[in-house]
Amino acid sequence: MTLRNPAATRGRRTRLMILAVLAVACAALVAIALPASDLTQRHSGSGVFGFEIDPSDQGGPGQLLGTRARPSLGGSGHVPDGTTVFDDDVPAVGNLDPDLLAALREAADDAADDHVGFHVNSGWRSAAYQQQLLNEAVSQYGSMEEASRWVATPETSAHVSGDAIDLGPPESAEWLADHGDDYGLCQIYRNEPWHFELRTEAADDGCPEMYDDPTQDPRMQQ
């Protein structure tokens, strides 16, 4: 049997504890010294237009880096089948502008009297989801110029700001095209008869003249 020196054992334990504390302190100093820009560069990606989108936002609000996102329910904006304008728990609906949503619900109640139901094909979208749709459109149509006739950039999209909704089926869009100005709801683009936005003056003055497609919309030129 080997006899141990209690004093020597305590000394070794003390030295080990000191080394452990020093290691933790060094790690903390390295983390503090690392520039925040390095972290951003390591964890960000670039979209078609070169601005950076945080990949962690693919399933979240998806804000553009350096901008303030509106408070939201989270999510990307993907719409489950059967979603209506009354489904507050779906981020694509719940994150819409409150005035737009109120007008849509009033119109939906009246349309139901005509046996027409409003289904949401698209509403609010995260910036990351909008960028994904734009990338897919470029691949589908073969050029940014043609894709821009159908999909806006995250910076200019009324969906990202929560100010637009795409309705289905076709009879609901047709009903709202006929009655929408009573609620301040207007079609904006001739090539997108499902796309509606709030124009409060429409109740008195009627809906404004539609653009042939989004490329004619001055908001898309920002």
Protein backbone atom coordinates (compact mmCIF):
# COMPACT_ATOMS: atom_id res chain seq x y z
CA MET A 1 0.00 0.00 0.00
CA THR A 2 1.29 3.46 -0.93
CA LEU A 3 0.96 6.23 1.62
CA ARG A 4 -0.16 9.61 0.18
CA ASN A 5 0.96 12.98 1.43
CA PRO A 6 -2.28 14.97 2.13
CA ALA A 7 -0.51 18.29 1.69
CA ALA A 8 0.86 17.30 -1.73
CA THR A 9 -2.58 16.12 -2.86
CA ARG A 10 -4.19 19.40 -1.85
CA GLY A 11 -1.46 21.29 -3.68
CA ARG A 12 -2.08 19.44 -6.93
CA ARG A 13 -5.82 20.06 -6.69
CA THR A 14 -5.25 23.76 -6.10
CA ARG A 15 -2.98 24.02 -9.16
CA LEU A 16 -5.57 22.22 -11.33
CA MET A 17 -8.32 24.58 -10.20
CA ILE A 18 -6.16 27.62 -10.97
CA LEU A 19 -5.38 26.29 -14.46
CA ALA A 20 -9.09 25.67 -15.14
CA VAL A 21 -10.01 29.22 -14.09
CA LEU A 22 -7.27 30.67 -16.30
CA ALA A 23 -8.50 28.64 -19.30
CA VAL A 24 -12.07 29.94 -18.90
CA ALA A 25 -10.81 33.52 -18.54
CA CYS A 26 -8.71 33.24 -21.72
CA ALA A 27 -11.66 31.90 -23.71
CA ALA A 28 -13.82 34.80 -22.56
CA LEU A 29 -11.17 37.34 -23.57
CA VAL A 30 -10.91 35.81 -27.06
CA ALA A 31 -14.69 35.97 -27.53
CA ILE A 32 -14.79 39.62 -26.48
CA ALA A 33 -11.90 40.54 -28.77
CA LEU A 34 -13.42 38.89 -31.86
CA PRO A 35 -15.03 41.64 -34.02
CA ALA A 36 -18.79 41.45 -34.39
CA SER A 37 -18.37 41.88 -38.15
CA ASP A 38 -16.48 38.57 -38.27
CA LEU A 39 -19.44 36.81 -36.69
CA THR A 40 -21.84 38.40 -39.16
CA GLN A 41 -19.69 37.42 -42.13
CA ARG A 42 -19.44 33.84 -40.93
CA HIS A 43 -23.18 33.42 -40.41
CA SER A 44 -24.70 35.34 -43.30
CA GLY A 45 -25.37 34.73 -46.96
CA SER A 46 -25.93 36.93 -49.98
CA GLY A 47 -29.06 37.13 -52.08
CA VAL A 48 -29.42 37.94 -55.75
CA PHE A 49 -28.95 41.66 -55.15
CA GLY A 50 -25.98 41.28 -52.84
CA PHE A 51 -27.62 42.29 -49.57
CA GLU A 52 -27.16 39.89 -46.71
CA ILE A 53 -29.87 37.71 -45.21
CA ASP A 54 -29.37 35.86 -41.96
CA PRO A 55 -29.83 32.14 -42.81
CA SER A 56 -31.22 31.53 -39.33
CA ASP A 57 -34.22 33.57 -40.46
CA GLN A 58 -35.22 31.02 -43.10
CA GLY A 59 -37.77 29.78 -40.61
CA GLY A 60 -38.21 33.06 -38.77
CA PRO A 61 -38.99 36.67 -39.48
CA GLY A 62 -36.18 36.85 -42.05
CA GLN A 63 -35.22 40.51 -41.70
CA LEU A 64 -32.59 42.11 -43.88
CA LEU A 65 -29.43 42.65 -41.89
CA GLY A 66 -29.15 46.23 -40.75
CA THR A 67 -32.91 46.89 -40.85
CA ARG A 68 -35.60 46.74 -38.21
CA ALA A 69 -38.23 44.04 -38.70
CA ARG A 70 -41.84 44.69 -37.72
CA PRO A 71 -42.96 42.64 -34.71
CA SER A 72 -44.32 39.38 -36.03
CA LEU A 73 -45.52 35.91 -35.16
CA GLY A 74 -42.40 34.45 -36.72
CA GLY A 75 -42.48 31.92 -39.51
CA SER A 76 -41.49 32.36 -43.13
CA GLY A 77 -44.87 33.20 -44.65
CA HIS A 78 -45.57 29.77 -46.11
CA VAL A 79 -49.34 29.24 -46.19
CA PRO A 80 -50.89 25.88 -45.23
CA ASP A 81 -53.70 24.61 -47.44
CA GLY A 82 -57.13 25.85 -46.45
CA THR A 83 -55.93 29.03 -44.72
CA THR A 84 -58.53 31.81 -44.55
CA VAL A 85 -58.34 35.50 -43.67
CA PHE A 86 -59.60 34.61 -40.19
CA ASP A 87 -56.65 32.37 -39.26
CA ASP A 88 -54.72 34.67 -36.93
CA ASP A 89 -52.39 31.88 -35.83
CA VAL A 90 -50.91 31.59 -39.33
CA PRO A 91 -48.08 34.17 -39.60
CA ALA A 92 -48.93 34.89 -43.25
CA VAL A 93 -52.29 36.17 -41.98
CA GLY A 94 -51.51 37.37 -38.46
CA ASN A 95 -48.60 39.54 -39.64
CA LEU A 96 -50.67 41.45 -42.20
CA ASP A 97 -51.33 45.14 -41.71
CA PRO A 98 -54.28 45.36 -39.27
CA ASP A 99 -56.28 47.72 -41.50
CA LEU A 100 -55.82 45.47 -44.52
CA LEU A 101 -56.85 42.44 -42.48
CA ALA A 102 -59.94 44.17 -41.10
CA ALA A 103 -61.06 45.16 -44.61
CA LEU A 104 -60.48 41.63 -45.89
CA ARG A 105 -62.54 40.12 -43.09
CA GLU A 106 -65.40 42.52 -43.66
CA ALA A 107 -65.37 41.66 -47.36
CA ALA A 108 -65.11 37.94 -46.61
CA ASP A 109 -68.19 38.08 -44.38
CA ASP A 110 -70.18 39.73 -47.15
CA ALA A 111 -68.82 37.38 -49.82
CA ALA A 112 -69.95 34.42 -47.73
CA ASP A 113 -73.53 35.62 -48.22
CA ASP A 114 -72.92 35.01 -51.93
CA HIS A 115 -71.44 31.57 -51.14
CA VAL A 116 -67.92 32.74 -51.96
CA GLY A 117 -65.05 31.85 -49.62
CA PHE A 118 -61.75 33.70 -49.32
CA HIS A 119 -58.69 31.45 -49.13
CA VAL A 120 -55.22 32.88 -48.64
CA ASN A 121 -52.66 31.76 -51.19
CA SER A 122 -50.05 34.19 -49.91
CA GLY A 123 -49.96 37.03 -47.41
CA TRP A 124 -47.12 38.32 -45.27
CA ARG A 125 -43.73 36.84 -46.16
CA SER A 126 -40.37 37.02 -44.46
CA ALA A 127 -37.60 38.72 -46.42
CA ALA A 128 -35.75 35.41 -46.64
CA TYR A 129 -38.80 33.65 -48.08
CA GLN A 130 -39.33 36.48 -50.58
CA GLN A 131 -35.71 36.15 -51.68
CA GLN A 132 -36.18 32.42 -52.12
CA LEU A 133 -39.24 33.02 -54.32
CA LEU A 134 -37.29 35.56 -56.37
CA ASN A 135 -34.40 33.16 -56.86
CA GLU A 136 -36.84 30.48 -58.00
CA ALA A 137 -38.50 32.91 -60.41
CA VAL A 138 -35.15 33.81 -61.95
CA SER A 139 -34.47 30.11 -62.49
CA GLN A 140 -37.94 29.55 -63.93
CA TYR A 141 -38.09 32.55 -66.27
CA GLY A 142 -34.41 32.67 -67.18
CA SER A 143 -33.65 36.28 -66.29
CA MET A 144 -34.08 38.86 -63.56
CA GLU A 145 -35.93 41.12 -65.99
CA GLU A 146 -38.66 38.56 -66.65
CA ALA A 147 -38.80 37.36 -63.04
CA SER A 148 -39.41 40.95 -61.91
CA ARG A 149 -42.75 40.89 -63.70
CA TRP A 150 -43.94 38.36 -61.12
CA VAL A 151 -41.83 38.57 -57.98
CA ALA A 152 -40.54 41.68 -56.20
CA THR A 153 -37.33 42.01 -54.25
CA PRO A 154 -37.50 41.72 -50.45
CA GLU A 155 -36.76 45.44 -50.26
CA THR A 156 -39.79 46.45 -52.34
CA SER A 157 -42.31 43.64 -51.83
CA ALA A 158 -45.68 44.61 -50.35
CA HIS A 159 -45.89 41.06 -49.02
CA VAL A 160 -42.79 41.53 -46.87
CA SER A 161 -44.24 44.71 -45.37
CA GLY A 162 -47.55 42.93 -44.73
CA ASP A 163 -49.50 45.13 -47.15
CA ALA A 164 -50.62 42.61 -49.78
CA ILE A 165 -52.55 39.38 -50.06
CA ASP A 166 -53.02 36.84 -52.85
CA LEU A 167 -56.48 35.29 -52.79
CA GLY A 168 -57.96 32.11 -54.18
CA PRO A 169 -59.86 30.38 -55.62
CA PRO A 170 -60.48 32.45 -58.78
CA GLU A 171 -64.11 33.17 -57.89
CA SER A 172 -63.05 34.91 -54.68
CA ALA A 173 -60.65 37.17 -56.59
CA GLU A 174 -63.40 37.85 -59.12
CA TRP A 175 -65.86 38.73 -56.36
CA LEU A 176 -63.38 41.10 -54.74
CA ALA A 177 -62.50 42.65 -58.10
CA ASP A 178 -66.18 43.53 -58.50
CA HIS A 179 -66.81 44.71 -54.94
CA GLY A 180 -63.39 45.51 -53.52
CA ASP A 181 -63.54 49.28 -53.80
CA ASP A 182 -66.40 49.26 -51.26
CA TYR A 183 -63.85 48.00 -48.73
CA GLY A 184 -60.82 49.87 -50.05
CA LEU A 185 -59.38 46.66 -51.52
CA CYS A 186 -57.92 46.93 -55.00
CA GLN A 187 -56.19 44.83 -57.61
CA ILE A 188 -52.86 46.43 -58.38
CA TYR A 189 -51.49 44.47 -61.36
CA ARG A 190 -53.34 43.22 -64.43
CA ASN A 191 -51.13 40.15 -64.67
CA GLU A 192 -51.89 39.21 -61.04
CA PRO A 193 -55.69 39.24 -60.61
CA TRP A 194 -55.29 37.48 -57.26
CA HIS A 195 -53.14 40.24 -55.70
CA PHE A 196 -54.94 42.85 -53.55
CA GLU A 197 -53.77 45.79 -51.48
CA LEU A 198 -55.54 48.36 -49.31
CA ARG A 199 -56.34 51.71 -50.90
CA THR A 200 -58.56 53.51 -48.41
CA GLU A 201 -59.48 56.26 -50.88
CA ALA A 202 -61.08 53.67 -53.18
CA ALA A 203 -64.33 53.75 -51.20
CA ASP A 204 -64.87 57.32 -52.44
CA ASP A 205 -62.83 57.54 -55.62
CA GLY A 206 -62.72 53.95 -56.86
CA CYS A 207 -59.60 51.86 -57.27
CA PRO A 208 -56.67 53.44 -59.13
CA GLU A 209 -55.69 52.37 -62.63
CA MET A 210 -53.88 49.04 -62.55
CA TYR A 211 -50.30 48.55 -63.70
CA ASP A 212 -49.74 45.96 -66.40
CA ASP A 213 -47.22 44.24 -64.12
CA PRO A 214 -44.99 45.13 -61.14
CA THR A 215 -42.20 46.52 -63.32
CA GLN A 216 -44.42 49.56 -64.00
CA ASP A 217 -44.99 50.20 -60.30
CA PRO A 218 -42.79 53.10 -59.09
CA ARG A 219 -42.41 51.37 -55.72
CA MET A 220 -40.48 48.60 -57.46
CA GLN A 221 -37.87 51.08 -58.71
CA GLN A 222 -36.41 51.83 -55.27
